[in-house]
Protein backbone atom coordinates (compact mmCIF):
# COMPACT_ATOMS: atom_id res chain seq x y z
CA MET A 1 -14.80 6.65 10.19
CA ASN A 2 -18.56 6.10 10.06
CA THR A 3 -20.24 5.76 6.68
CA ARG A 4 -23.40 5.19 5.90
CA SER A 5 -24.37 5.11 2.00
CA LYS A 6 -28.28 4.35 0.23
CA LYS A 7 -26.45 5.98 -3.35
CA LYS A 8 -24.47 4.45 -5.98
CA ASN A 9 -20.79 4.25 -5.42
CA PRO A 10 -18.13 3.43 -7.58
CA ILE A 11 -16.58 1.28 -5.27
CA CYS A 12 -19.46 -0.97 -5.54
CA SER A 13 -20.59 -0.79 -8.78
CA VAL A 14 -18.71 -1.52 -11.52
CA LYS A 15 -18.71 -1.27 -15.73
CA LEU A 16 -16.27 -3.46 -17.61
CA MET A 17 -15.66 -3.16 -20.96
CA GLY A 18 -18.62 -0.74 -21.43
CA MET A 19 -20.86 -3.80 -20.11
CA SER A 20 -22.82 -3.11 -16.57
CA LEU A 21 -22.48 -6.23 -14.83
CA SER A 22 -24.06 -7.03 -11.80
CA ARG A 23 -22.33 -6.68 -8.18
CA SER A 24 -21.69 -10.30 -7.69
CA TRP A 25 -20.47 -11.00 -10.86
CA VAL A 26 -17.92 -7.92 -10.74
CA LEU A 27 -17.09 -9.21 -7.30
CA ALA A 28 -16.53 -12.91 -8.65
CA LEU A 29 -14.62 -11.88 -11.49
CA SER A 30 -12.53 -9.21 -9.32
CA ILE A 31 -11.57 -11.78 -7.04
CA LEU A 32 -10.53 -14.48 -9.65
CA ALA A 33 -8.66 -11.35 -11.22
CA ILE A 34 -6.72 -11.06 -8.15
CA LEU A 35 -5.84 -14.56 -7.86
CA MET A 36 -4.42 -15.17 -11.04
CA ALA A 37 -2.72 -11.59 -11.20
CA ILE A 38 -1.85 -9.58 -8.61
CA ALA A 39 0.29 -12.03 -7.31
CA ILE A 40 2.02 -10.82 -10.69
CA THR A 41 1.23 -7.57 -10.78
CA PHE A 42 4.31 -5.38 -9.39
CA THR A 43 5.33 -2.07 -8.12
CA SER A 44 8.37 -0.75 -7.66
CA GLN A 45 9.10 -2.83 -4.45
CA TYR A 46 7.42 -5.70 -4.45
CA ILE A 47 9.00 -8.25 -2.58
CA ILE A 48 7.68 -11.65 -1.58
CA ILE A 49 8.64 -11.97 2.34
CA PRO A 50 9.36 -16.19 3.73
CA ARG A 51 8.34 -15.94 7.35
CA HIS A 52 10.79 -17.10 9.98
CA ALA A 53 11.02 -17.37 13.78
CA LYS A 54 14.99 -15.90 14.24
CA PRO A 55 15.01 -12.78 17.11
CA THR A 56 15.71 -9.78 14.64
CA GLU A 57 19.51 -9.30 14.50
CA TYR A 58 20.68 -5.62 13.30
CA GLN A 59 24.01 -5.93 11.11
CA SER A 60 26.04 -4.16 9.00
CA THR A 61 24.59 -3.74 5.81
CA TYR A 62 27.29 -5.04 3.97
CA PHE A 63 26.81 -7.92 2.22
CA SER A 64 29.28 -10.38 0.07
CA LEU A 65 28.25 -13.36 -1.68
CA PRO A 66 29.02 -16.29 -0.52
CA THR A 67 32.36 -18.12 -3.23
CA SER A 68 29.72 -20.65 -4.40
CA ALA A 69 27.66 -18.12 -5.69
CA ASN A 70 27.39 -17.86 -9.68
CA VAL A 71 27.24 -14.51 -11.25
CA PHE A 72 27.63 -14.00 -15.05
CA VAL A 73 28.34 -10.05 -16.44
CA VAL A 74 27.99 -9.33 -19.97
CA GLY A 75 30.40 -6.18 -20.37
CA PRO A 76 33.83 -5.40 -20.98
CA GLN A 77 36.65 -7.31 -18.42
CA SER A 78 37.44 -4.05 -16.94
CA LEU A 79 33.97 -4.43 -14.25
CA THR A 80 36.14 -6.99 -12.46
CA LYS A 81 37.82 -4.77 -10.02
CA ASN A 82 34.28 -2.92 -9.06
CA LEU A 83 32.55 -6.10 -9.04
CA THR A 84 35.26 -7.50 -6.34
CA GLY A 85 34.71 -4.28 -4.59
CA LEU A 86 30.80 -4.75 -4.36
CA GLY A 87 31.23 -8.11 -2.78
CA PHE A 88 31.13 -10.23 -5.45
CA PRO A 89 33.72 -13.12 -5.00
CA LEU A 90 36.46 -13.49 -7.80
CA SER A 91 36.31 -16.75 -8.34
CA ALA A 92 32.35 -16.67 -9.06
CA ILE A 93 32.40 -14.59 -11.76
CA SER A 94 31.72 -15.29 -15.64
CA PHE A 95 31.94 -13.26 -18.67
CA VAL A 96 29.17 -14.28 -21.27
CA ASN A 97 27.57 -13.56 -24.10
CA PRO A 98 23.34 -12.13 -24.38
CA SER A 99 22.76 -15.67 -26.02
CA GLU A 100 24.26 -17.69 -22.87
CA LEU A 101 21.37 -15.88 -20.21
CA PRO A 102 18.57 -17.92 -20.51
CA SER A 103 20.30 -21.31 -19.77
CA THR A 104 21.73 -19.74 -16.58
CA PRO A 105 21.78 -21.89 -12.83
CA SER A 106 18.63 -20.93 -11.21
CA GLY A 107 19.39 -18.34 -8.43
CA SER A 108 22.82 -16.89 -10.19
CA VAL A 109 23.63 -12.69 -10.47
CA ILE A 110 23.43 -11.60 -14.16
CA ILE A 111 25.15 -8.12 -14.40
CA ILE A 112 24.83 -6.16 -17.37
CA ASP A 113 26.76 -3.07 -19.08
CA TRP A 114 24.07 -1.67 -21.01
CA ASN A 115 26.41 1.04 -22.79
CA TYR A 116 28.52 -2.12 -23.75
CA VAL A 117 25.52 -4.72 -24.70
CA ASN A 118 23.97 -1.29 -26.72
CA LYS A 119 27.18 0.22 -28.28
CA THR A 120 29.19 -2.68 -28.88
CA LEU A 121 26.48 -5.65 -29.07
CA HIS A 122 23.92 -3.51 -31.05
CA ILE A 123 21.28 -4.85 -28.67
CA ASN A 124 18.12 -3.03 -28.02
CA TYR A 125 15.48 -2.80 -25.30
CA ASN A 126 13.52 -5.84 -26.51
CA GLU A 127 16.39 -8.03 -27.47
CA LEU A 128 17.54 -7.75 -23.97
CA ALA A 129 13.84 -8.10 -22.82
CA ARG A 130 14.13 -11.05 -24.30
CA ALA A 131 17.50 -12.60 -23.12
CA LEU A 132 16.39 -11.76 -19.43
CA GLU A 133 12.80 -13.94 -19.78
CA ASN A 134 14.34 -17.12 -18.58
CA PRO A 135 16.56 -15.57 -15.76
CA ILE A 136 13.55 -13.32 -14.33
CA GLY A 137 11.53 -16.50 -14.03
CA LYS A 138 13.80 -18.67 -12.04
CA ASN A 139 14.72 -16.06 -8.95
CA ASP A 140 18.24 -14.78 -10.45
CA LEU A 141 19.11 -11.28 -9.76
CA ILE A 142 19.38 -8.77 -12.41
CA ILE A 143 21.45 -5.68 -12.09
CA ILE A 144 22.02 -3.35 -15.47
CA ILE A 145 24.18 -0.82 -15.00
CA SER A 146 23.32 2.56 -16.77
CA LYS A 147 25.75 5.37 -17.15
CA ASP A 148 23.34 7.89 -18.54
CA PRO A 149 20.14 8.62 -15.96
CA LYS A 150 17.92 8.63 -19.55
CA GLU A 151 18.20 5.18 -19.77
CA ILE A 152 16.72 4.36 -16.63
CA LEU A 153 13.07 4.69 -17.30
CA MET A 154 13.69 2.10 -20.22
CA LEU A 155 15.77 -0.09 -18.17
CA GLU A 156 12.96 -0.47 -15.64
CA GLU A 157 10.35 -1.84 -18.18
CA THR A 158 12.67 -3.51 -19.91
CA ILE A 159 12.90 -5.73 -16.63
CA ALA A 160 9.51 -5.34 -16.15
CA VAL A 161 8.43 -6.65 -19.64
CA ALA A 162 10.98 -9.70 -19.44
CA TRP A 163 9.18 -10.63 -16.03
CA GLY A 164 5.72 -10.35 -17.71
CA ASN A 165 6.83 -11.68 -20.80
CA HIS A 166 7.73 -14.60 -18.95
CA TYR A 167 4.54 -15.54 -17.17
CA HIS A 168 2.43 -14.52 -19.83
CA SER A 169 1.06 -11.45 -18.19
CA LYS A 170 1.02 -7.48 -19.16
CA VAL A 171 2.26 -5.12 -17.56
CA ILE A 172 0.17 -2.21 -17.16
CA GLY A 173 2.31 0.25 -15.36
CA PHE A 174 4.31 1.55 -11.88
CA PRO A 175 5.66 4.36 -9.66
CA VAL A 176 8.76 5.47 -11.36
CA PHE A 177 11.58 7.88 -9.30
CA SER A 178 13.60 10.11 -10.67
CA ILE A 179 16.95 9.89 -10.53
CA ASN A 180 19.98 12.19 -12.19
CA GLU A 181 22.42 9.89 -11.82
CA SER A 182 24.32 7.12 -12.87
CA SER A 183 22.46 3.91 -11.19
CA TYR A 184 22.06 0.17 -11.24
CA ILE A 185 18.77 -0.79 -12.00
CA VAL A 186 18.30 -4.07 -9.81
CA GLY A 187 15.13 -6.82 -10.63
CA PHE A 188 14.30 -10.18 -9.43
CA GLY A 189 11.55 -12.11 -8.69
CA ASN A 190 9.18 -15.82 -9.30
CA ASN A 191 5.55 -15.33 -8.58
CA GLY A 192 6.26 -11.26 -7.75
CA LEU A 193 8.93 -8.99 -8.73
CA THR A 194 11.03 -6.36 -6.87
CA ILE A 195 11.96 -3.91 -9.07
CA SER A 196 14.51 -1.03 -7.63
CA VAL A 197 16.88 1.62 -8.96
CA VAL A 198 19.77 2.29 -6.93
CA PRO A 199 22.17 5.12 -7.43
CA ILE A 200 25.97 4.33 -8.38
CA ASN A 201 27.65 5.77 -5.32
CA GLN A 202 24.75 3.84 -2.75
CA ILE A 203 27.18 0.65 -2.43
CA GLU A 204 25.48 -0.08 0.90
CA GLN A 205 21.77 0.05 -0.95
CA LEU A 206 22.79 -2.44 -3.21
CA GLN A 207 24.33 -4.94 -1.08
CA SER A 208 21.59 -4.96 1.08
CA ILE A 209 19.29 -5.61 -1.91
CA MET A 210 21.76 -8.63 -2.38
CA ARG A 211 21.20 -9.86 0.94
CA THR A 212 17.64 -9.71 0.82
CA TRP A 213 17.57 -11.61 -2.85
CA TYR A 214 20.18 -14.41 -1.46
CA ASN A 215 17.76 -14.74 1.45
CA ILE A 216 14.56 -15.37 -0.52
CA THR A 217 16.28 -17.97 -3.11
CA HIS A 218 18.51 -19.16 -1.06
CA LYS A 219 16.63 -19.63 1.95
CA SER A 220 19.71 -18.68 3.85
CA VAL A 221 17.94 -17.29 7.48
CA ASN A 222 18.46 -19.56 10.01
CA ILE A 223 15.26 -20.57 11.90
CA ASN A 224 15.68 -20.30 16.38
CA THR A 225 13.07 -22.57 17.08
CA ALA A 226 13.78 -22.73 20.80
CA ALA A 227 12.08 -19.77 21.53
CA ASN A 228 8.92 -19.98 19.64
CA LEU A 229 5.58 -20.29 21.26
CA ASP A 230 2.05 -22.38 20.47
CA PRO A 231 0.18 -19.91 17.95
CA ILE A 232 -2.02 -17.23 19.35
CA ILE A 233 -5.25 -17.14 17.25
CA ASN A 234 -7.12 -14.54 16.07
CA GLN A 235 -5.11 -12.00 19.38
CA ASP A 236 -4.53 -8.70 19.00
CA PRO A 237 -0.29 -8.90 18.97
CA CYS A 238 -0.13 -5.39 20.19
CA GLN A 239 -2.25 -5.44 23.52
CA TYR A 240 -0.57 -9.75 23.92
CA ILE A 241 2.83 -7.99 24.13
CA GLN A 242 1.66 -5.25 26.42
CA VAL A 243 -0.17 -7.23 28.94
CA ASN A 244 2.42 -10.16 28.68
CA TYR A 245 6.25 -8.56 28.49
CA GLY A 246 5.53 -4.79 29.12
CA GLY A 247 7.74 -4.97 32.10
CA GLN A 248 10.96 -5.98 29.88
CA LEU A 249 9.74 -2.91 27.09
CA ASN A 250 10.15 -0.35 29.91
CA GLY A 251 13.66 0.45 29.08
CA GLN A 252 15.54 -2.68 30.09
CA TYR A 253 15.36 -4.51 26.06
CA GLY A 254 13.66 -1.62 24.90
CA TRP A 255 9.98 0.69 24.76
CA PHE A 256 6.61 0.19 23.67
CA PHE A 257 4.21 2.42 22.34
CA GLY A 258 0.56 1.57 21.23
CA THR A 259 -2.88 3.37 20.79
CA GLY A 260 -4.51 0.91 22.46
CA PRO A 261 -7.57 -1.42 21.32
CA ARG A 262 -9.93 1.06 19.83
CA GLN A 263 -13.30 1.01 18.21
CA ILE A 264 -15.35 2.82 15.60
CA THR A 265 -18.83 2.13 14.44
CA ALA A 266 -19.80 1.82 11.05
CA TYR A 267 -23.91 2.02 10.12
CA TYR A 268 -25.93 0.43 7.24
CA ASP A 269 -29.74 0.68 7.31
CA GLY A 270 -29.33 1.60 11.28
CA ILE A 271 -27.66 -1.73 12.20
CA THR A 272 -24.36 -1.16 14.04
CA SER A 273 -21.20 -3.19 12.76
CA THR A 274 -17.51 -2.74 14.87
CA TYR A 275 -14.23 -1.85 13.10
CA GLN A 276 -11.37 -2.55 15.50
CA PHE A 277 -7.66 -1.58 15.59
CA ASP A 278 -4.67 -1.08 17.51
CA TYR A 279 -1.53 -0.37 16.76
CA CYS A 280 2.42 -0.08 18.18
CA ILE A 281 5.51 0.00 17.96
CA VAL A 282 8.97 -1.42 19.75
CA VAL A 283 11.88 0.51 20.00
CA VAL A 284 14.70 -2.25 21.07
CA ASN A 285 17.33 -0.64 23.41
CA SER A 286 20.55 -1.37 21.00
CA MET A 287 22.19 1.11 18.53
CA SER A 288 24.78 0.89 15.87
CA THR A 289 27.81 3.15 15.60
CA GLY A 290 28.55 4.94 12.60
CA ILE A 291 28.07 8.55 11.45
CA ILE A 292 24.30 8.14 11.71
CA PRO A 293 23.74 6.11 14.98
CA GLU A 294 20.38 3.77 14.19
CA VAL A 295 18.01 2.22 16.59
CA PRO A 296 16.18 -0.79 15.59
CA VAL A 297 12.53 -0.66 16.14
CA GLU A 298 9.89 -2.73 14.61
CA TYR A 299 5.95 -2.00 13.54
CA LEU A 300 2.88 -4.00 14.55
CA GLY A 301 -1.11 -3.36 13.52
CA PHE A 302 -3.82 -5.27 14.28
CA MET A 303 -7.26 -5.04 12.84
CA ASN A 304 -10.71 -6.49 13.10
CA TYR A 305 -14.35 -5.85 11.36
CA ILE A 306 -17.32 -7.28 12.77
CA PRO A 307 -20.18 -6.96 10.79
CA GLY A 308 -23.56 -6.49 12.33
CA PHE A 309 -25.79 -8.09 10.01
CA SER A 310 -24.63 -10.89 6.99
CA GLY A 311 -24.68 -10.88 2.95
CA GLY A 312 -22.14 -8.48 2.68
CA SER A 313 -19.05 -8.85 0.55
CA PHE A 314 -15.32 -6.96 0.64
CA ALA A 315 -14.67 -4.59 -2.02
CA TYR A 316 -11.42 -4.31 -0.56
CA TYR A 317 -9.55 -4.56 2.59
CA ARG A 318 -6.30 -3.24 3.07
CA ALA A 319 -3.48 -1.85 5.38
CA GLY A 320 -0.26 -0.27 5.41
CA ILE A 321 2.95 1.29 6.80
CA ASN A 322 3.83 4.25 4.91
CA MET A 323 7.13 5.31 5.58
CA THR A 324 7.66 7.98 2.69
CA THR A 325 4.35 9.58 3.94
CA ALA A 326 5.50 10.36 7.14
CA TRP A 327 8.76 11.54 5.37
CA ASP A 328 6.75 13.55 3.32
CA ASP A 329 4.03 15.42 5.17
CA TYR A 330 6.17 15.29 8.30
CA TYR A 331 9.83 16.01 8.19
CA GLY A 332 10.53 19.09 8.47
CA VAL A 333 7.37 20.34 8.69
CA LEU A 334 5.75 19.86 12.08
CA ASN A 335 8.17 21.73 14.70
CA GLY A 336 10.92 19.96 16.00
CA ILE A 337 10.96 17.08 13.64
CA ASN A 338 14.51 16.02 13.00
CA SER A 339 14.90 12.52 12.76
CA TYR A 340 13.41 9.79 10.80
CA MET A 341 12.67 5.83 10.83
CA GLY A 342 12.68 3.54 7.87
CA TYR A 343 13.05 0.29 6.26
CA VAL A 344 16.73 -1.92 6.11
CA GLY A 345 15.78 -4.61 3.68
CA GLY A 346 15.75 -8.36 4.82
CA THR A 347 12.84 -10.64 5.69
CA GLY A 348 11.51 -8.60 8.41
CA ILE A 349 7.45 -8.14 6.28
CA GLN A 350 4.99 -10.00 7.06
CA PRO A 351 2.65 -11.73 6.30
CA GLY A 352 3.98 -13.03 2.96
CA THR A 353 1.87 -13.78 0.17
CA ILE A 354 -0.94 -16.18 0.56
CA THR A 355 -2.77 -17.86 -2.59
CA CYS A 356 -6.22 -19.80 -2.12
CA THR A 357 -6.46 -23.41 -2.70
CA PRO A 358 -9.72 -25.22 -3.03
CA GLY A 359 -10.47 -27.70 -0.05
CA ILE A 360 -7.23 -26.28 1.77
CA LEU A 361 -8.75 -23.49 4.88
CA SER A 362 -5.36 -20.67 5.13
CA TYR A 363 -4.67 -18.23 7.18
CA ILE A 364 -2.61 -15.29 8.27
CA SER A 365 0.16 -15.65 9.97
CA ILE A 366 3.01 -13.46 11.73
CA SER A 367 5.97 -13.89 13.43
CA VAL A 368 7.12 -11.41 16.10
CA PRO A 369 10.75 -11.47 17.29
CA LEU A 370 11.17 -9.51 20.91
CA PRO A 371 14.09 -8.10 22.46
CA GLY A 372 15.50 -10.38 24.56
CA GLY A 373 14.91 -13.63 22.15
CA VAL A 374 11.29 -14.32 22.56
CA THR A 375 9.54 -15.05 19.79
CA LEU A 376 5.39 -14.74 18.90
CA ASN A 377 3.41 -16.43 16.36
CA PHE A 378 0.12 -15.39 15.77
CA GLN A 379 -2.24 -16.50 13.34
CA PHE A 380 -5.50 -14.21 12.27
CA GLN A 381 -8.37 -16.84 10.96
CA PRO A 382 -12.17 -15.63 10.51
CA THR A 383 -14.74 -17.25 12.15
CA ALA A 384 -17.25 -17.45 9.85
CA SER A 385 -17.93 -20.99 8.49
CA SER A 386 -15.88 -21.90 5.77
CA THR A 387 -14.13 -19.28 5.50
CA GLY A 388 -10.58 -18.72 4.27
CA THR A 389 -7.77 -15.98 4.00
CA THR A 390 -5.78 -14.80 1.25
CA ASP A 391 -3.42 -11.72 1.35
CA ARG A 392 -1.00 -9.88 -1.00
CA ASN A 393 1.87 -7.26 0.17
CA PHE A 394 3.86 -5.23 -1.40
CA ILE A 395 5.97 -2.30 -1.38
CA THR A 396 5.78 1.17 -3.62
CA ASP A 397 7.25 4.45 -3.67
CA PHE A 398 10.89 3.76 -2.83
CA GLN A 399 13.16 6.82 -1.36
CA SER A 400 16.60 6.52 0.16
CA THR A 401 17.64 8.57 2.89
CA PRO A 402 21.66 8.15 3.57
CA THR A 403 20.71 5.68 5.41
CA VAL A 404 17.58 3.45 5.08
CA SER A 405 14.90 2.99 2.85
CA LEU A 406 11.79 4.81 2.94
CA ASN A 407 8.85 2.31 1.68
CA ASN A 408 5.24 2.17 1.81
CA ILE A 409 4.16 -0.83 2.90
CA VAL A 410 0.64 -2.01 1.74
CA TRP A 411 -0.97 -5.63 2.16
CA TRP A 412 -4.40 -6.10 0.51
CA PHE A 413 -6.37 -9.16 1.98
CA ALA A 414 -9.72 -11.36 0.88
CA PHE A 415 -12.04 -13.47 2.67
CA LEU A 416 -12.85 -16.71 0.38
CA ASN A 417 -14.81 -19.60 0.38
CA GLN A 418 -12.22 -22.28 1.00
CA TRP A 419 -14.11 -24.66 -1.97
CA THR A 420 -14.48 -22.42 -4.26
CA CYS A 421 -12.23 -19.53 -3.75
CA LEU A 422 -14.75 -16.96 -4.60
CA PRO A 423 -15.90 -14.41 -2.12
CA GLN A 424 -17.72 -15.83 1.08
CA SER A 425 -20.79 -13.40 2.25
CA THR A 426 -20.28 -12.04 5.77
CA SER A 427 -21.55 -13.23 8.68
CA ALA A 428 -23.34 -11.31 11.26
CA ASN A 429 -20.83 -10.76 14.34
CA ALA A 430 -18.26 -13.05 12.57
CA TRP A 431 -14.64 -11.94 13.09
CA TYR A 432 -12.23 -10.44 10.11
CA PRO A 433 -9.36 -10.31 11.57
CA VAL A 434 -5.84 -9.36 10.11
CA GLY A 435 -2.36 -8.55 11.19
CA PHE A 436 0.61 -7.31 9.96
CA GLU A 437 4.45 -6.63 11.17
CA VAL A 438 7.73 -4.96 10.05
CA ASN A 439 10.29 -6.08 12.14
CA SER A 440 13.39 -4.61 10.24
CA GLY A 441 13.20 -0.92 10.59
CA GLU A 442 15.52 1.97 11.90
CA TRP A 443 15.49 4.89 13.65
CA ALA A 444 18.43 7.04 12.62
CA LEU A 445 19.36 9.61 14.93
CA VAL A 446 20.25 12.74 12.56
CA GLN A 447 21.40 14.61 15.21
CA GLY A 448 23.70 12.20 16.62
CA ALA A 449 23.59 10.09 19.91
CA ASN A 450 24.51 12.98 22.01
CA ASN A 451 21.49 15.31 21.24
CA LEU A 452 17.64 15.01 21.14
CA ASN A 453 16.32 13.18 18.20
CA THR A 454 12.43 13.73 17.77
CA VAL A 455 10.45 11.55 14.86
CA VAL A 456 7.33 10.44 13.62
CA SER A 457 7.15 7.11 13.24
CA PRO A 458 5.88 5.93 9.73
CA VAL A 459 1.81 6.15 9.37
CA TYR A 460 -0.29 3.35 10.21
CA TRP A 461 -3.33 3.14 8.13
CA GLU A 462 -6.04 0.68 7.45
CA ARG A 463 -9.09 1.24 4.71
CA GLY A 464 -12.26 -1.36 4.40
CA VAL A 465 -15.26 -1.18 2.07
CA VAL A 466 -18.22 -3.85 2.23
CA CYS A 467 -20.68 -3.81 -0.19
CA TYR A 468 -24.40 -4.92 0.69
CA GLY A 469 -27.77 -5.39 -0.89
CA SER A 470 -28.97 -5.67 -4.65
CA TYR A 471 -27.97 -1.67 -4.95
CA PRO A 472 -24.40 -0.66 -4.36
CA TYR A 473 -24.95 0.28 -0.64
CA GLU A 474 -21.69 0.30 1.32
CA ASN A 475 -20.38 -0.27 4.85
CA ALA A 476 -17.06 1.65 4.80
CA PHE A 477 -14.36 1.41 7.71
CA GLY A 478 -10.53 3.39 8.26
CA SER A 479 -8.11 4.10 10.26
CA VAL A 480 -5.05 6.63 10.65
CA VAL A 481 -2.36 6.87 13.47
CA TYR A 482 1.37 8.20 13.99
CA PHE A 483 3.32 8.31 16.94
CA VAL A 484 5.81 11.20 18.03
CA LEU A 485 9.05 10.45 19.49
CA GLU A 486 11.96 11.63 21.24
CA TYR A 487 15.34 9.73 21.68
CA GLN A 488 17.02 11.61 24.83
CA PRO A 489 20.87 11.17 25.28
CA GLY A 490 22.50 10.09 28.67
CA THR A 491 23.68 7.17 30.15
CA PRO A 492 21.57 5.01 30.19
CA TRP A 493 19.84 6.65 27.06
CA THR A 494 15.72 6.55 26.84
CA VAL A 495 12.60 7.11 24.52
CA LYS A 496 9.39 8.90 25.33
CA GLN A 497 6.62 9.66 23.48
CA LEU A 498 5.15 13.13 22.84
CA SER A 499 1.61 12.51 21.60
CA ILE A 500 -0.17 10.13 19.41
CA ASN A 501 -2.05 11.73 16.07
CA TYR A 502 -5.19 10.53 14.19
CA PRO A 503 -4.66 13.09 11.45
CA SER A 504 -7.66 11.99 9.42
CA GLY A 505 -10.24 12.80 12.48
CA VAL A 506 -11.52 9.08 13.06
CA ARG A 507 -13.25 8.90 16.15
CA THR A 508 -12.96 6.19 18.64
CA THR A 509 -15.00 5.22 21.44
């Protein structure tokens, strides 16, 4: 994608409250807003994920809280049987009044029967939001039970308002999906917020969220340091894995599919900048049993921008894996597509959120578990002088299938001066590399283990715009890629690639 622009562009020219601001002030204010607000801006699935180095474990989605957990319920005693069936230990359950919620221990589970609270206790949305301000700010898991689908939107907003009030942040909005049945409205977070809506009959999805929350807040993920390797700086993880482990990823431990390193030129005033990308997917040679068998998959991406000149500033630099997009655009549309890939939760999204601290050079890091117990650690650090890297990741557009979740996972990256945490101007020929990965994906074999299953992988995409000069000139770049894979039954079963697609017509060299 080549862009040479010498006209005013809304990305590089911004007006704030009716006042025209210079590009430098706009960018400075924008990054300050990012540092102060984006970390507390949320969507319907914003999860802060701690890095870990444990080889991926593919287990049942069922999760039962330990008996040491604290579970506080605002509702009738008749809820007890239902709650124990969901995995809440009977010994951990306590029934409380709404006035007691602000004083619950950190890391507790708060369960609220909205019909009981509203009809019996006569508490409205605003009063409930005030009662939840402290719990949502100290990593409590909030679960509101709503029998009436018409209440779901307002209860989502109730959790959002509670979180926003705790952090003195005004909530603007978030994506909402229509669910026309009784549901659980689930939320948790400290400087980031997760909100999910789970239909009452999707118990495994609720238990998966419980496990994610518990792993994050109680740090229950075991770290396997024995397989760790020294950090690999500014390397393309897809190329590194293919070169060093491709022999094992040919059916022995799994299958590796990648675009290979690709390069796109972007022009400004006749000078060429370079954008590089590489995307890959690892299908693990393992299969779960059940009505719909599932095969573990990992998604990896690498991007690097190398400007041919100095003095630019990133308007934005973002990357993502769009599972919902793949579902909406290609499932049942392309001939022969009869299965799907999605996300099963847990701590498999990297990198996690990094904030800029003056005087400290930060960098993006991802830890990639490979089949066979090998874990690779990659760091991505700009080579420009005194430049730190920050990133934000969040999940949007949550949808449910019978087995896995379909999410659009998006990271926003920034390149800041390590001393001021303000935007760092680009330097000619410097590297601005970023990487990301999701290692808790699954391929649902909808047709079963004894039939062909063809899938379009989640769409990989990246976009970036760098602004240059005293006028709103821009240097834009981007890429979009997806793989079409086929599961072939047999003993042993195999996976092959049918095609790699670049749907936006992105030219590579």
